[in-house]
N, C-alpha and C. Protein backbone atom coordinates (compact mmCIF):
# COMPACT_ATOMS: atom_id res chain seq x y z
N MET A 1 -73.08 -8.08 -122.54
CA MET A 1 -74.17 -7.50 -121.75
C MET A 1 -75.12 -6.75 -122.67
N SER A 2 -76.38 -6.88 -122.41
CA SER A 2 -77.36 -6.18 -123.23
C SER A 2 -77.83 -4.92 -122.52
N GLN A 3 -78.25 -3.96 -123.33
CA GLN A 3 -78.74 -2.71 -122.78
C GLN A 3 -80.14 -2.91 -122.20
N MET A 4 -80.42 -2.14 -121.14
CA MET A 4 -81.72 -2.19 -120.50
C MET A 4 -82.21 -0.77 -120.30
N GLU A 5 -83.52 -0.63 -120.05
CA GLU A 5 -84.09 0.69 -119.79
C GLU A 5 -84.33 0.84 -118.29
N PHE A 6 -83.99 2.02 -117.77
CA PHE A 6 -84.18 2.34 -116.36
C PHE A 6 -84.91 3.66 -116.26
N LYS A 7 -85.76 3.78 -115.24
CA LYS A 7 -86.46 5.04 -114.99
C LYS A 7 -86.27 5.42 -113.54
N GLY A 8 -86.13 6.71 -113.30
CA GLY A 8 -85.98 7.17 -111.93
C GLY A 8 -85.64 8.64 -111.85
N ARG A 9 -85.30 9.07 -110.64
CA ARG A 9 -84.97 10.46 -110.35
C ARG A 9 -83.47 10.59 -110.21
N VAL A 10 -82.90 11.61 -110.83
CA VAL A 10 -81.47 11.85 -110.75
C VAL A 10 -81.17 12.66 -109.48
N ILE A 11 -80.24 12.15 -108.69
CA ILE A 11 -79.84 12.80 -107.44
C ILE A 11 -78.32 12.95 -107.41
N LYS A 12 -77.84 13.78 -106.50
CA LYS A 12 -76.40 13.91 -106.29
C LYS A 12 -76.16 13.78 -104.80
N GLU A 13 -75.35 12.80 -104.42
CA GLU A 13 -75.08 12.58 -103.01
C GLU A 13 -73.73 11.89 -102.83
N ALA A 14 -73.30 11.79 -101.58
CA ALA A 14 -72.03 11.14 -101.26
C ALA A 14 -72.10 9.68 -101.66
N PHE A 15 -71.02 9.21 -102.25
CA PHE A 15 -70.92 7.82 -102.68
C PHE A 15 -69.65 7.22 -102.11
N ALA A 16 -69.70 5.97 -101.70
CA ALA A 16 -68.54 5.23 -101.16
C ALA A 16 -67.98 5.91 -99.92
N LYS A 17 -68.87 6.30 -99.00
CA LYS A 17 -68.45 6.99 -97.78
C LYS A 17 -67.41 6.18 -97.03
N GLY A 18 -66.38 6.88 -96.56
CA GLY A 18 -65.34 6.25 -95.75
C GLY A 18 -64.26 5.54 -96.54
N SER A 19 -64.37 5.54 -97.87
CA SER A 19 -63.34 4.87 -98.68
C SER A 19 -62.51 5.92 -99.42
N LYS A 20 -61.44 5.46 -100.06
CA LYS A 20 -60.63 6.38 -100.85
C LYS A 20 -61.39 6.89 -102.07
N SER A 21 -62.45 6.19 -102.43
CA SER A 21 -63.26 6.58 -103.59
C SER A 21 -64.41 7.52 -103.23
N GLU A 22 -64.50 7.94 -101.96
CA GLU A 22 -65.62 8.79 -101.54
C GLU A 22 -65.67 10.06 -102.37
N ARG A 23 -66.88 10.38 -102.85
CA ARG A 23 -67.07 11.59 -103.66
C ARG A 23 -68.56 11.87 -103.78
N GLU A 24 -68.89 13.07 -104.24
CA GLU A 24 -70.26 13.41 -104.59
C GLU A 24 -70.50 12.83 -105.98
N ALA A 25 -71.52 12.02 -106.13
CA ALA A 25 -71.77 11.37 -107.41
C ALA A 25 -73.20 11.63 -107.87
N VAL A 26 -73.37 11.76 -109.18
CA VAL A 26 -74.70 11.86 -109.77
C VAL A 26 -75.21 10.42 -109.91
N MET A 27 -76.41 10.18 -109.36
CA MET A 27 -76.94 8.83 -109.32
C MET A 27 -78.38 8.80 -109.82
N LEU A 28 -78.80 7.63 -110.27
CA LEU A 28 -80.19 7.41 -110.64
C LEU A 28 -80.84 6.59 -109.54
N ASP A 29 -81.87 7.15 -108.92
CA ASP A 29 -82.62 6.46 -107.88
C ASP A 29 -83.88 5.90 -108.53
N THR A 30 -83.93 4.58 -108.69
CA THR A 30 -85.08 3.94 -109.35
C THR A 30 -86.21 3.66 -108.37
N GLY A 31 -85.97 3.91 -107.10
CA GLY A 31 -86.95 3.56 -106.08
C GLY A 31 -86.60 2.24 -105.42
N LYS A 32 -85.85 1.41 -106.13
CA LYS A 32 -85.39 0.13 -105.60
C LYS A 32 -83.88 0.11 -105.46
N THR A 33 -83.20 0.71 -106.43
CA THR A 33 -81.74 0.68 -106.50
C THR A 33 -81.22 2.05 -106.90
N ARG A 34 -80.01 2.34 -106.47
CA ARG A 34 -79.33 3.57 -106.90
C ARG A 34 -78.09 3.18 -107.69
N TYR A 35 -77.96 3.79 -108.87
CA TYR A 35 -76.82 3.55 -109.74
C TYR A 35 -76.05 4.85 -109.93
N VAL A 36 -74.73 4.78 -109.90
CA VAL A 36 -73.91 5.93 -110.28
C VAL A 36 -74.06 6.08 -111.79
N LEU A 37 -74.39 7.29 -112.22
CA LEU A 37 -74.59 7.54 -113.66
C LEU A 37 -73.31 7.93 -114.35
N ARG A 38 -73.16 7.42 -115.54
CA ARG A 38 -72.03 7.79 -116.39
C ARG A 38 -72.49 7.76 -117.83
N ARG A 39 -72.04 8.72 -118.60
CA ARG A 39 -72.34 8.72 -120.04
C ARG A 39 -71.24 7.98 -120.76
N GLN A 40 -71.59 7.28 -121.84
CA GLN A 40 -70.55 6.68 -122.67
C GLN A 40 -69.66 7.79 -123.18
N GLY A 41 -68.38 7.69 -122.92
CA GLY A 41 -67.42 8.71 -123.35
C GLY A 41 -67.31 9.89 -122.41
N GLY A 42 -68.12 9.90 -121.33
CA GLY A 42 -68.10 11.01 -120.38
C GLY A 42 -67.07 10.80 -119.28
N ASN A 43 -66.71 11.88 -118.62
CA ASN A 43 -65.78 11.82 -117.49
C ASN A 43 -66.45 11.08 -116.34
N PRO A 44 -65.80 10.09 -115.74
CA PRO A 44 -66.44 9.32 -114.67
C PRO A 44 -66.58 10.08 -113.35
N PHE A 45 -65.85 11.19 -113.18
CA PHE A 45 -65.89 11.89 -111.90
C PHE A 45 -66.59 13.25 -111.95
N SER A 46 -66.63 13.88 -113.10
CA SER A 46 -67.26 15.19 -113.21
C SER A 46 -67.79 15.36 -114.63
N ASP A 47 -69.11 15.41 -114.77
CA ASP A 47 -69.71 15.51 -116.09
C ASP A 47 -70.82 16.56 -116.05
N PRO A 48 -70.57 17.76 -116.59
CA PRO A 48 -71.56 18.83 -116.55
C PRO A 48 -72.91 18.44 -117.16
N ALA A 49 -72.91 17.58 -118.18
CA ALA A 49 -74.17 17.15 -118.80
C ALA A 49 -75.03 16.37 -117.80
N LEU A 50 -74.40 15.57 -116.96
CA LEU A 50 -75.14 14.82 -115.95
C LEU A 50 -75.58 15.73 -114.81
N ASP A 51 -74.74 16.71 -114.46
CA ASP A 51 -75.10 17.66 -113.40
C ASP A 51 -76.40 18.37 -113.73
N LYS A 52 -76.65 18.64 -115.00
CA LYS A 52 -77.88 19.33 -115.42
C LYS A 52 -79.13 18.48 -115.20
N LEU A 53 -78.96 17.17 -115.05
CA LEU A 53 -80.10 16.26 -114.87
C LEU A 53 -80.53 16.13 -113.41
N VAL A 54 -79.69 16.61 -112.48
CA VAL A 54 -80.00 16.45 -111.05
C VAL A 54 -81.35 17.08 -110.73
N GLY A 55 -82.20 16.32 -110.04
CA GLY A 55 -83.53 16.78 -109.67
C GLY A 55 -84.61 16.45 -110.68
N LYS A 56 -84.21 15.86 -111.81
CA LYS A 56 -85.18 15.54 -112.86
C LYS A 56 -85.43 14.04 -112.92
N ASN A 57 -86.58 13.68 -113.45
CA ASN A 57 -86.89 12.28 -113.72
C ASN A 57 -86.46 11.97 -115.14
N ILE A 58 -85.82 10.81 -115.31
CA ILE A 58 -85.36 10.43 -116.64
C ILE A 58 -85.70 8.98 -116.94
N SER A 59 -85.67 8.68 -118.22
CA SER A 59 -85.71 7.31 -118.72
C SER A 59 -84.38 7.14 -119.44
N ALA A 60 -83.61 6.14 -119.02
CA ALA A 60 -82.26 5.96 -119.57
C ALA A 60 -82.08 4.55 -120.10
N VAL A 61 -81.29 4.44 -121.16
CA VAL A 61 -80.93 3.15 -121.73
C VAL A 61 -79.43 2.99 -121.54
N GLY A 62 -79.04 1.83 -121.03
CA GLY A 62 -77.63 1.61 -120.83
C GLY A 62 -77.32 0.24 -120.28
N ILE A 63 -76.07 0.08 -119.88
CA ILE A 63 -75.55 -1.18 -119.36
C ILE A 63 -75.12 -0.97 -117.92
N VAL A 64 -75.51 -1.90 -117.05
CA VAL A 64 -75.09 -1.84 -115.65
C VAL A 64 -73.81 -2.65 -115.48
N SER A 65 -72.84 -2.02 -114.83
CA SER A 65 -71.59 -2.70 -114.49
C SER A 65 -71.34 -2.42 -113.02
N GLY A 66 -71.58 -3.41 -112.18
CA GLY A 66 -71.45 -3.21 -110.74
C GLY A 66 -72.48 -2.22 -110.25
N TYR A 67 -72.04 -1.08 -109.74
CA TYR A 67 -72.92 -0.03 -109.22
C TYR A 67 -73.11 1.10 -110.21
N THR A 68 -72.56 0.98 -111.42
CA THR A 68 -72.58 2.06 -112.41
C THR A 68 -73.54 1.74 -113.55
N LEU A 69 -74.32 2.75 -113.94
CA LEU A 69 -75.16 2.67 -115.13
C LEU A 69 -74.50 3.50 -116.22
N LEU A 70 -73.96 2.82 -117.22
CA LEU A 70 -73.30 3.48 -118.34
C LEU A 70 -74.36 3.75 -119.39
N MET A 71 -74.81 5.01 -119.46
CA MET A 71 -75.93 5.37 -120.33
C MET A 71 -75.48 5.64 -121.76
N SER A 72 -76.24 5.10 -122.70
CA SER A 72 -76.01 5.41 -124.11
C SER A 72 -76.99 6.47 -124.59
N GLU A 73 -78.15 6.53 -123.94
CA GLU A 73 -79.15 7.58 -124.27
C GLU A 73 -80.08 7.77 -123.08
N TRP A 74 -80.71 8.93 -123.03
CA TRP A 74 -81.65 9.24 -121.97
C TRP A 74 -82.56 10.36 -122.40
N LYS A 75 -83.70 10.47 -121.71
CA LYS A 75 -84.59 11.61 -121.95
C LYS A 75 -85.24 11.97 -120.61
N VAL A 76 -85.49 13.26 -120.46
CA VAL A 76 -86.17 13.76 -119.28
C VAL A 76 -87.65 13.42 -119.43
N THR A 77 -88.27 12.93 -118.35
CA THR A 77 -89.67 12.54 -118.39
C THR A 77 -90.44 13.30 -117.31
N SER A 78 -91.74 13.18 -117.37
CA SER A 78 -92.57 13.80 -116.33
C SER A 78 -93.02 12.75 -115.31
N ASP A 79 -92.58 11.50 -115.50
CA ASP A 79 -92.92 10.41 -114.57
C ASP A 79 -92.33 10.67 -113.20
N THR A 80 -92.92 10.03 -112.19
CA THR A 80 -92.36 10.12 -110.84
C THR A 80 -91.70 8.82 -110.49
């Protein structure tokens, strides 16, 4: 899989409602799709570095696997 660039707003909301995997997840809302965010080497369920991004717009580079965007790098942007 090759890395791609994604832009959007970081949000935190319920994910996988009604399943055993239900939890509050940090996600990237691109306006078309929402991806659960994860850092390479980061904890998949609780990552303070990702929590700090909530409410901000970012540009991220990473690999999509299912519903997860595994980020290798990102930067906060002023884009909407």
